[in-house]
Amino acid sequence: MSRHEPPASRPVLGPARGWLHALGVVVAGFAVMLVVAALGLWLAGASELPQGALVPVIAATVVMAVGGRVALDGGAGFIAETQAAIVVVPLSVALAGALVTAYAFLRPLRSHAVLSGGHLLRIVLRTALLWVVALLLIVHGARHSFSLSAGNEYLDEIAQLLGTTPTVGFHALVGTTVGLGLLWLLVVLLIALAVSRRVPLPPRLAPPQATVRPAARAMVAVLLVYVVAAAIIALVTADTRTDAGDTLAVVFLGLPNLAWLAFGLGLGASWHGHVKGAIGLPMPEPLARVLRTGGDGDVTLDLASLTRQDGRAWWLLVAAAVAMLLAGWAAARRAPPGAGHLRNAVRLALTAAAAMLLIGLLTWIDAHYGLSLFGIGDPSDTGGLGGSVVLVPDLAAAVGLAAGWGAVTGFLGSLVARPRRRRTGPDGTDAVSVSRPPDPRSP
């Protein structure tokens, strides 16, 4: 091949390099998730778990981070029966994995001028295949059971003879984890391709991407800024508290859960749920107080109920309004030529609605455990001998509110950004030009 041959005719990734590229994406994504999960669990005190449970717990955390499911079980023969379940996404682990996976996937594609649809499909399929293999390995490691001591050697020996030694265990659900984990990967790659300005998409996909990209990039930026702001607040809080390890554990495990919940509350969205007993899932004290006020029933978590516990919560409304106005301005500045105010408003409305849908699904929490002794009590009853944390979004209302915010701020942002225009260069990247009156001396 001549060194002067145009880039458009060069192969993007040959078969060997393509598999290496896919392997690098998968290894990088899972490696960072394992590291972040390990740090968070270590800070939370999981290193003290008995019988070598730390490594399986790390694997289970990664499984939940990519949307998989982990089943909990345990019991003590005929003496006791337990029932437990957990549905929660550790979004710090998930976000770290998503960012690294997207970067590793896009980076080799940016230096080429042409990427055909077939070649892009092959790249995605290679990555997906290796991703499933890695998921199966993680699922195999996310399995553990260990016995609990009664604290007395004599009682432990009796329990062992009677076959009633208390046990607690967990295992990842293979089919559900592989399916949802693969969907997680495809959503991450889709968002990465939608917001990237330097990857040469196939000609059929370039126009839709140019339409979607400005609003999508603006909303992604809003969500990341919220996480960064929450991290700064958490670090300042950790520096002033004696239990800094617990605060840092939240940073490495569930910081985006709280940051994006705050964003949704600021937009007017609401969740319902409760906290009963002691589950061990860390959350800010005002949030916990709201969820404990319902007694035996669920309560509504919204900006008003949170403000009754902490008056500073009204600042969430101000923060959300400012963030959405900036998103509308940024999206309008990068809009394709000829995009009017109404189109900019509709695009940001749809993007904000999609973002809120993801936030609602990702902040969904359902964790509970129950215990029955000698047949007395119901293991599915989380009162008394159990506990539960439930936080379920009102999705329809939340998505509608986000769409309304997107429409209004998209229109206002377009009005403010009107003097600037964006045009698409010959290589598919954005080029900025500032609207000026025509020069009367020009022909």
Protein backbone atom coordinates (compact mmCIF):
# COMPACT_ATOMS: atom_id res chain seq x y z
CA MET A 1 0.00 0.00 0.00
CA SER A 2 1.36 3.37 -0.96
CA ARG A 3 2.04 5.81 1.80
CA HIS A 4 0.17 8.41 -0.26
CA GLU A 5 -2.95 6.27 -0.55
CA PRO A 6 -5.97 8.16 0.76
CA PRO A 7 -7.13 7.14 4.24
CA ALA A 8 -10.57 6.28 2.90
CA SER A 9 -9.22 3.18 1.17
CA ARG A 10 -7.26 1.82 4.12
CA PRO A 11 -8.78 -1.01 6.16
CA VAL A 12 -10.03 0.22 9.50
CA LEU A 13 -9.22 -2.88 11.53
CA GLY A 14 -8.13 -6.22 10.11
CA PRO A 15 -9.41 -9.46 11.64
CA ALA A 16 -6.42 -9.92 13.96
CA ARG A 17 -6.33 -6.29 15.08
CA GLY A 18 -10.11 -6.33 15.34
CA TRP A 19 -10.08 -9.19 17.86
CA LEU A 20 -7.25 -7.52 19.80
CA HIS A 21 -9.25 -4.31 19.84
CA ALA A 22 -12.34 -6.14 21.15
CA LEU A 23 -10.27 -7.95 23.76
CA GLY A 24 -8.76 -4.67 24.92
CA VAL A 25 -12.21 -3.09 25.28
CA VAL A 26 -13.51 -5.99 27.37
CA VAL A 27 -10.42 -6.31 29.56
CA ALA A 28 -10.24 -2.55 30.20
CA GLY A 29 -13.94 -2.29 31.07
CA PHE A 30 -14.04 -5.20 33.49
CA ALA A 31 -10.64 -4.38 35.02
CA VAL A 32 -11.67 -0.88 36.06
CA MET A 33 -14.99 -2.15 37.43
CA LEU A 34 -13.25 -4.80 39.51
CA VAL A 35 -10.78 -2.23 40.88
CA VAL A 36 -13.46 0.34 41.75
CA ALA A 37 -15.68 -2.32 43.33
CA ALA A 38 -12.76 -3.67 45.36
CA LEU A 39 -11.85 -0.21 46.66
CA GLY A 40 -15.44 0.57 47.60
CA LEU A 41 -15.99 -2.73 49.38
CA TRP A 42 -12.66 -2.48 51.18
CA LEU A 43 -13.57 1.00 52.44
CA ALA A 44 -16.94 -0.38 53.54
CA GLY A 45 -15.20 -3.05 55.64
CA ALA A 46 -15.84 -6.04 53.37
CA SER A 47 -12.25 -7.20 53.87
CA GLU A 48 -13.42 -8.58 57.21
CA LEU A 49 -15.90 -10.95 55.60
CA PRO A 50 -15.25 -14.54 56.73
CA GLN A 51 -14.23 -17.60 54.73
CA GLY A 52 -12.79 -15.82 51.71
CA ALA A 53 -16.01 -14.10 50.71
CA LEU A 54 -14.41 -10.82 49.60
CA VAL A 55 -13.49 -11.88 46.05
CA PRO A 56 -16.94 -13.39 45.29
CA VAL A 57 -18.58 -10.27 46.71
CA ILE A 58 -16.47 -8.11 44.39
CA ALA A 59 -17.54 -10.25 41.45
CA ALA A 60 -21.19 -9.99 42.54
CA THR A 61 -20.86 -6.21 42.73
CA VAL A 62 -19.59 -6.09 39.15
CA VAL A 63 -22.45 -8.34 38.08
CA MET A 64 -24.96 -5.88 39.55
CA ALA A 65 -23.07 -2.94 38.02
CA VAL A 66 -23.77 -4.23 34.49
CA GLY A 67 -27.42 -4.88 35.30
CA GLY A 68 -27.13 -8.53 36.33
CA ARG A 69 -29.01 -10.16 39.15
CA VAL A 70 -27.69 -11.80 42.31
CA ALA A 71 -29.85 -14.18 44.33
CA LEU A 72 -29.39 -14.44 48.09
CA ASP A 73 -30.21 -17.53 50.10
CA GLY A 74 -29.56 -19.11 53.46
CA GLY A 75 -31.05 -20.95 56.40
CA ALA A 76 -30.42 -23.17 59.40
CA GLY A 77 -32.06 -26.48 58.63
CA PHE A 78 -35.45 -26.92 60.32
CA ILE A 79 -34.62 -24.18 62.85
CA ALA A 80 -34.58 -21.15 60.61
CA GLU A 81 -35.32 -20.12 57.08
CA THR A 82 -34.28 -16.91 55.39
CA GLN A 83 -35.47 -15.14 52.29
CA ALA A 84 -33.60 -12.24 50.75
CA ALA A 85 -33.29 -10.39 47.48
CA ILE A 86 -31.38 -7.40 46.22
CA VAL A 87 -31.90 -5.26 43.14
CA VAL A 88 -29.54 -2.29 43.13
CA VAL A 89 -27.01 -0.94 40.65
CA PRO A 90 -23.70 0.31 42.15
CA LEU A 91 -23.46 3.17 39.71
CA SER A 92 -19.94 4.28 40.61
CA VAL A 93 -18.72 0.89 39.39
CA ALA A 94 -21.03 0.99 36.37
CA LEU A 95 -20.08 4.54 35.36
CA ALA A 96 -16.34 3.85 35.62
CA GLY A 97 -16.77 0.75 33.47
CA ALA A 98 -18.92 2.57 30.93
CA LEU A 99 -16.47 5.46 30.50
CA VAL A 100 -13.44 3.21 30.08
CA THR A 101 -15.28 0.79 27.79
CA ALA A 102 -16.51 3.61 25.56
CA TYR A 103 -13.07 5.23 25.39
CA ALA A 104 -11.32 1.95 24.56
CA PHE A 105 -13.92 1.17 21.90
CA LEU A 106 -13.79 4.57 20.16
CA ARG A 107 -10.09 5.37 20.31
CA PRO A 108 -8.82 3.09 17.46
CA LEU A 109 -11.66 4.23 15.20
CA ARG A 110 -10.91 7.96 15.35
CA SER A 111 -7.85 7.93 13.08
CA HIS A 112 -9.68 6.59 10.02
CA ALA A 113 -11.68 8.47 7.46
CA VAL A 114 -14.26 5.83 6.55
CA LEU A 115 -16.07 3.17 8.55
CA SER A 116 -18.54 1.05 6.63
CA GLY A 117 -21.70 -0.30 8.19
CA GLY A 118 -20.59 -3.91 7.82
CA HIS A 119 -17.23 -3.25 9.39
CA LEU A 120 -18.79 -1.39 12.32
CA LEU A 121 -21.18 -4.30 12.85
CA ARG A 122 -18.31 -6.78 12.91
CA ILE A 123 -16.45 -4.67 15.48
CA VAL A 124 -19.52 -4.55 17.72
CA LEU A 125 -20.17 -8.29 17.35
CA ARG A 126 -16.56 -9.18 18.26
CA THR A 127 -16.77 -6.98 21.33
CA ALA A 128 -20.15 -8.41 22.32
CA LEU A 129 -18.94 -12.01 21.97
CA LEU A 130 -15.90 -11.46 24.19
CA TRP A 131 -18.04 -9.47 26.60
CA VAL A 132 -20.36 -12.46 27.06
CA VAL A 133 -17.35 -14.72 27.71
CA ALA A 134 -16.05 -12.32 30.36
CA LEU A 135 -19.53 -12.10 31.89
CA LEU A 136 -19.68 -15.88 32.24
CA LEU A 137 -16.33 -15.85 34.03
CA ILE A 138 -17.50 -13.13 36.41
CA VAL A 139 -20.77 -14.95 37.02
CA HIS A 140 -18.85 -18.10 37.90
CA GLY A 141 -16.86 -16.13 40.48
CA ALA A 142 -19.95 -14.42 41.94
CA ARG A 143 -20.97 -17.43 43.99
CA HIS A 144 -20.24 -18.11 47.63
CA SER A 145 -21.75 -19.57 50.77
CA PHE A 146 -20.39 -19.60 54.28
CA SER A 147 -21.57 -20.76 57.66
CA LEU A 148 -22.29 -18.46 60.58
CA SER A 149 -21.04 -19.14 64.07
CA ALA A 150 -23.31 -19.03 67.11
CA GLY A 151 -20.42 -17.65 69.13
CA ASN A 152 -20.12 -20.78 71.23
CA GLU A 153 -18.04 -23.80 70.28
CA TYR A 154 -20.43 -26.26 71.97
CA LEU A 155 -23.48 -24.82 70.17
CA ASP A 156 -21.61 -24.85 66.86
CA GLU A 157 -20.85 -28.56 67.27
CA ILE A 158 -24.50 -29.35 68.06
CA ALA A 159 -25.66 -27.37 65.05
CA GLN A 160 -23.21 -29.25 62.84
CA LEU A 161 -24.48 -32.64 64.13
CA LEU A 162 -28.11 -31.66 63.58
CA GLY A 163 -27.39 -30.19 60.17
CA THR A 164 -28.66 -26.81 61.29
CA THR A 165 -25.53 -24.73 60.95
CA PRO A 166 -26.70 -21.27 59.80
CA THR A 167 -25.55 -20.53 56.26
CA VAL A 168 -25.70 -17.49 54.06
CA GLY A 169 -24.94 -17.56 50.37
CA PHE A 170 -25.40 -15.80 47.07
CA HIS A 171 -25.05 -16.61 43.40
CA ALA A 172 -25.45 -14.70 40.16
CA LEU A 173 -28.32 -15.66 37.86
CA VAL A 174 -26.59 -16.72 34.66
CA GLY A 175 -29.24 -16.14 32.00
CA THR A 176 -30.50 -12.84 33.40
CA THR A 177 -26.99 -11.52 33.94
CA VAL A 178 -25.77 -12.40 30.45
CA GLY A 179 -28.85 -10.90 28.80
CA LEU A 180 -28.89 -7.67 30.79
CA GLY A 181 -25.09 -7.40 30.75
CA LEU A 182 -25.07 -7.62 26.96
CA LEU A 183 -27.84 -5.00 26.78
CA TRP A 184 -25.72 -2.80 29.09
CA LEU A 185 -22.78 -3.03 26.68
CA LEU A 186 -24.89 -2.23 23.62
CA VAL A 187 -26.43 0.83 25.30
CA VAL A 188 -22.96 2.08 26.31
CA LEU A 189 -21.63 1.66 22.76
CA LEU A 190 -24.74 3.29 21.27
CA ILE A 191 -24.38 6.34 23.51
CA ALA A 192 -20.64 6.51 22.81
CA LEU A 193 -21.19 6.48 19.04
CA ALA A 194 -24.02 9.02 19.36
CA VAL A 195 -21.96 11.61 21.23
CA SER A 196 -18.59 11.10 19.51
CA ARG A 197 -17.48 13.84 17.13
CA ARG A 198 -14.38 12.11 15.77
CA VAL A 199 -15.53 8.63 14.77
CA PRO A 200 -16.36 8.46 11.02
CA LEU A 201 -19.70 6.71 11.01
CA PRO A 202 -21.14 5.05 7.87
CA PRO A 203 -22.78 7.57 5.50
CA ARG A 204 -26.29 6.39 6.39
CA LEU A 205 -25.70 6.96 10.10
CA ALA A 206 -23.86 10.30 9.86
CA PRO A 207 -26.94 12.56 9.32
CA PRO A 208 -28.95 11.05 12.20
CA GLN A 209 -25.91 11.28 14.47
CA ALA A 210 -25.40 14.95 13.55
CA THR A 211 -28.98 15.58 14.62
CA VAL A 212 -28.82 13.62 17.88
CA ARG A 213 -25.27 14.45 18.97
CA PRO A 214 -25.61 18.06 20.26
CA ALA A 215 -28.43 17.32 22.70
CA ALA A 216 -26.96 13.96 23.68
CA ARG A 217 -23.54 15.45 24.43
CA ALA A 218 -25.17 18.20 26.47
CA MET A 219 -27.15 15.75 28.62
CA VAL A 220 -24.16 13.46 29.13
CA ALA A 221 -22.18 16.50 30.26
CA VAL A 222 -24.93 17.43 32.75
CA LEU A 223 -24.93 13.95 34.29
CA LEU A 224 -21.13 13.86 34.56
CA VAL A 225 -20.99 17.34 36.10
CA TYR A 226 -23.49 16.21 38.72
CA VAL A 227 -21.25 13.26 39.59
CA VAL A 228 -18.17 15.48 39.83
CA ALA A 229 -20.00 17.98 42.04
CA ALA A 230 -21.24 15.15 44.28
CA ALA A 231 -17.69 13.78 44.52
CA ILE A 232 -16.38 17.17 45.67
CA ILE A 233 -19.12 17.44 48.29
CA ALA A 234 -18.43 13.89 49.47
CA LEU A 235 -14.69 14.51 49.81
CA VAL A 236 -15.29 17.68 51.80
CA THR A 237 -17.75 15.81 54.00
CA ALA A 238 -15.31 12.94 54.53
CA ASP A 239 -12.64 15.40 55.63
CA THR A 240 -14.89 16.72 58.39
CA ARG A 241 -16.26 13.41 59.72
CA THR A 242 -14.82 10.64 61.83
CA ASP A 243 -16.38 7.90 59.69
CA ALA A 244 -14.64 9.03 56.50
CA GLY A 245 -14.34 5.43 55.30
CA ASP A 246 -18.11 5.06 54.98
CA THR A 247 -18.36 8.28 52.97
CA LEU A 248 -15.55 7.21 50.65
CA ALA A 249 -17.20 3.80 50.27
CA VAL A 250 -20.27 5.59 48.91
CA VAL A 251 -18.01 7.48 46.47
CA PHE A 252 -16.63 4.24 45.04
CA LEU A 253 -19.91 2.34 45.06
CA GLY A 254 -22.99 4.54 44.74
CA LEU A 255 -22.12 8.19 44.18
CA PRO A 256 -24.01 8.55 40.84
CA ASN A 257 -27.04 6.91 42.49
CA LEU A 258 -27.28 9.90 44.83
CA ALA A 259 -26.13 12.52 42.31
CA TRP A 260 -28.66 11.54 39.65
CA LEU A 261 -31.39 11.09 42.25
CA ALA A 262 -30.71 14.70 43.26
CA PHE A 263 -30.95 15.79 39.61
CA GLY A 264 -34.29 14.03 39.21
CA LEU A 265 -35.67 15.51 42.43
CA GLY A 266 -34.57 18.96 41.27
CA LEU A 267 -36.61 18.49 38.08
CA GLY A 268 -39.67 17.60 40.16
CA ALA A 269 -39.57 13.81 39.79
CA SER A 270 -40.60 11.60 42.68
CA TRP A 271 -39.85 8.14 44.03
CA HIS A 272 -41.79 6.04 46.52
CA GLY A 273 -40.54 3.48 48.97
CA HIS A 274 -39.47 2.87 52.54
CA VAL A 275 -36.65 1.84 54.86
CA LYS A 276 -37.32 -0.76 57.53
CA GLY A 277 -34.84 -2.35 59.86
CA ALA A 278 -31.14 -2.22 59.10
CA ILE A 279 -30.07 -3.20 55.60
CA GLY A 280 -26.63 -1.64 55.48
CA LEU A 281 -27.07 0.30 52.24
CA PRO A 282 -25.56 3.75 52.95
CA MET A 283 -27.63 6.83 52.21
CA PRO A 284 -27.70 10.45 53.41
CA GLU A 285 -29.49 10.96 56.72
CA PRO A 286 -32.23 13.31 55.36
CA LEU A 287 -33.08 10.75 52.67
CA ALA A 288 -33.20 7.93 55.22
CA ARG A 289 -35.44 9.99 57.51
CA VAL A 290 -37.94 10.60 54.71
CA LEU A 291 -38.10 6.91 53.84
CA ARG A 292 -38.60 5.93 57.51
CA THR A 293 -41.57 8.24 58.10
CA GLY A 294 -44.12 5.94 56.50
CA GLY A 295 -44.36 3.36 59.25
CA ASP A 296 -45.51 0.12 57.61
CA GLY A 297 -46.30 1.72 54.25
CA ASP A 298 -44.49 3.50 51.47
CA VAL A 299 -43.84 7.22 51.43
CA THR A 300 -43.29 9.63 48.56
CA LEU A 301 -39.80 11.01 48.14
CA ASP A 302 -39.87 14.32 46.32
CA LEU A 303 -38.37 17.77 46.68
CA ALA A 304 -41.05 18.87 49.17
CA SER A 305 -40.68 15.89 51.51
CA LEU A 306 -36.89 16.12 51.40
CA THR A 307 -37.00 19.85 52.15
CA ARG A 308 -39.07 19.19 55.27
CA GLN A 309 -36.11 17.17 56.56
CA ASP A 310 -33.40 19.53 55.30
CA GLY A 311 -34.25 23.04 54.12
CA ARG A 312 -31.18 23.18 51.88
CA ALA A 313 -32.79 20.66 49.51
CA TRP A 314 -34.51 23.50 47.60
CA TRP A 315 -31.11 24.23 46.08
CA LEU A 316 -31.60 21.06 44.03
CA LEU A 317 -34.24 22.94 42.02
CA VAL A 318 -31.83 25.80 41.34
CA ALA A 319 -29.04 23.44 40.34
CA ALA A 320 -31.30 21.48 37.98
CA ALA A 321 -32.62 24.67 36.34
CA VAL A 322 -29.12 26.05 35.76
CA ALA A 323 -27.86 22.71 34.44
CA MET A 324 -30.73 22.36 31.97
CA LEU A 325 -30.39 25.95 30.75
CA LEU A 326 -26.69 25.39 30.08
CA ALA A 327 -27.54 22.13 28.33
CA GLY A 328 -30.04 23.93 26.10
CA TRP A 329 -27.49 26.60 25.23
CA ALA A 330 -24.73 24.07 24.51
CA ALA A 331 -27.01 21.89 22.38
CA ALA A 332 -28.22 24.87 20.34
CA ARG A 333 -24.65 26.06 19.68
CA ARG A 334 -23.80 22.70 18.14
CA ALA A 335 -27.07 22.14 16.31
CA PRO A 336 -26.93 21.42 12.54
CA PRO A 337 -27.39 24.34 10.15
CA GLY A 338 -30.97 25.44 9.73
CA ALA A 339 -32.17 24.00 13.04
CA GLY A 340 -34.82 26.34 14.39
CA HIS A 341 -35.70 27.07 17.98
CA LEU A 342 -38.59 24.60 17.95
CA ARG A 343 -36.44 21.76 16.64
CA ASN A 344 -33.79 22.42 19.25
CA ALA A 345 -36.45 22.37 21.94
CA VAL A 346 -37.90 19.06 20.71
CA ARG A 347 -34.47 17.41 20.49
CA LEU A 348 -33.48 18.40 24.00
CA ALA A 349 -36.91 17.35 25.28
CA LEU A 350 -36.53 13.86 23.82
CA THR A 351 -32.96 13.55 25.09
CA ALA A 352 -33.86 14.70 28.60
CA ALA A 353 -36.77 12.24 28.66
CA ALA A 354 -34.47 9.38 27.64
CA ALA A 355 -31.92 10.42 30.28
CA MET A 356 -34.59 10.48 32.99
CA LEU A 357 -35.84 7.07 31.93
CA LEU A 358 -32.33 5.67 32.42
CA ILE A 359 -31.95 7.49 35.74
CA GLY A 360 -35.21 6.04 36.99
CA LEU A 361 -34.28 2.49 36.03
CA LEU A 362 -30.73 2.76 37.36
CA THR A 363 -31.74 4.24 40.74
CA TRP A 364 -34.34 1.51 41.35
CA ILE A 365 -33.65 -0.23 44.69
CA ASP A 366 -35.37 -3.29 46.12
CA ALA A 367 -33.40 -4.97 48.91
CA HIS A 368 -34.97 -7.05 51.64
CA TYR A 369 -34.42 -9.98 53.95
CA GLY A 370 -36.69 -11.94 56.29
CA LEU A 371 -36.25 -14.69 58.89
CA SER A 372 -38.42 -17.48 60.24
CA LEU A 373 -37.49 -19.34 63.49
CA PHE A 374 -38.92 -22.83 64.21
CA GLY A 375 -41.66 -22.17 61.69
CA ILE A 376 -42.76 -19.01 63.49
CA GLY A 377 -42.85 -16.00 61.27
CA ASP A 378 -42.81 -15.53 57.54
CA PRO A 379 -39.38 -15.24 55.86
CA SER A 380 -40.96 -12.98 53.26
CA ASP A 381 -42.07 -10.59 56.01
CA THR A 382 -39.40 -7.92 56.40
CA GLY A 383 -40.78 -6.56 59.63
CA GLY A 384 -39.38 -7.50 63.02
CA LEU A 385 -36.87 -10.20 62.07
CA GLY A 386 -35.85 -8.58 58.80
CA GLY A 387 -35.44 -5.33 56.98
CA SER A 388 -35.89 -3.73 53.60
CA VAL A 389 -34.99 -0.75 51.47
CA VAL A 390 -37.31 0.05 48.55
CA LEU A 391 -36.98 3.03 46.23
CA VAL A 392 -39.09 2.92 43.07
CA PRO A 393 -39.40 5.86 40.64
CA ASP A 394 -42.66 7.21 39.30
CA LEU A 395 -41.34 6.75 35.79
CA ALA A 396 -44.17 8.14 33.68
CA ALA A 397 -44.36 11.42 35.60
CA ALA A 398 -40.56 11.73 35.80
CA VAL A 399 -40.09 11.24 32.05
CA GLY A 400 -42.84 13.75 31.30
CA LEU A 401 -41.33 16.36 33.62
CA ALA A 402 -37.90 15.91 32.08
CA ALA A 403 -39.35 16.31 28.60
CA GLY A 404 -41.04 19.54 29.67
CA TRP A 405 -37.83 20.89 31.18
CA GLY A 406 -35.96 19.92 28.01
CA ALA A 407 -38.47 21.66 25.75
CA VAL A 408 -38.43 24.92 27.72
CA THR A 409 -34.67 25.11 28.30
CA GLY A 410 -33.95 23.90 24.77
CA PHE A 411 -36.03 26.78 23.37
CA LEU A 412 -34.49 29.36 25.72
CA GLY A 413 -30.99 28.06 25.04
CA SER A 414 -31.59 28.30 21.32
CA LEU A 415 -32.65 31.94 21.69
CA VAL A 416 -29.47 32.75 23.59
CA ALA A 417 -27.21 30.82 21.21
CA ARG A 418 -28.79 32.26 18.06
CA PRO A 419 -25.78 34.39 17.01
CA ARG A 420 -23.63 31.23 16.71
CA ARG A 421 -24.01 28.60 14.03
CA ARG A 422 -22.59 25.13 13.69
CA ARG A 423 -21.75 23.57 10.38
CA THR A 424 -20.47 20.12 9.54
CA GLY A 425 -17.04 19.95 7.98
CA PRO A 426 -16.10 17.60 5.10
CA ASP A 427 -14.69 15.05 7.56
CA GLY A 428 -17.92 14.87 9.56
CA THR A 429 -16.64 16.92 12.50
CA ASP A 430 -18.19 20.10 13.80
CA ALA A 431 -16.77 23.42 12.69
CA VAL A 432 -17.88 26.63 14.36
CA SER A 433 -18.69 29.77 12.48
CA VAL A 434 -20.07 33.02 13.85
CA SER A 435 -22.93 34.63 11.99
CA ARG A 436 -21.87 37.97 10.49
CA PRO A 437 -23.63 40.33 8.09
CA PRO A 438 -22.52 39.84 4.48
CA ASP A 439 -19.61 41.96 3.25
CA PRO A 440 -20.95 44.42 0.65
CA ARG A 441 -17.57 44.37 -1.13
CA SER A 442 -17.77 40.63 -1.78
CA PRO A 443 -19.24 39.53 -5.12
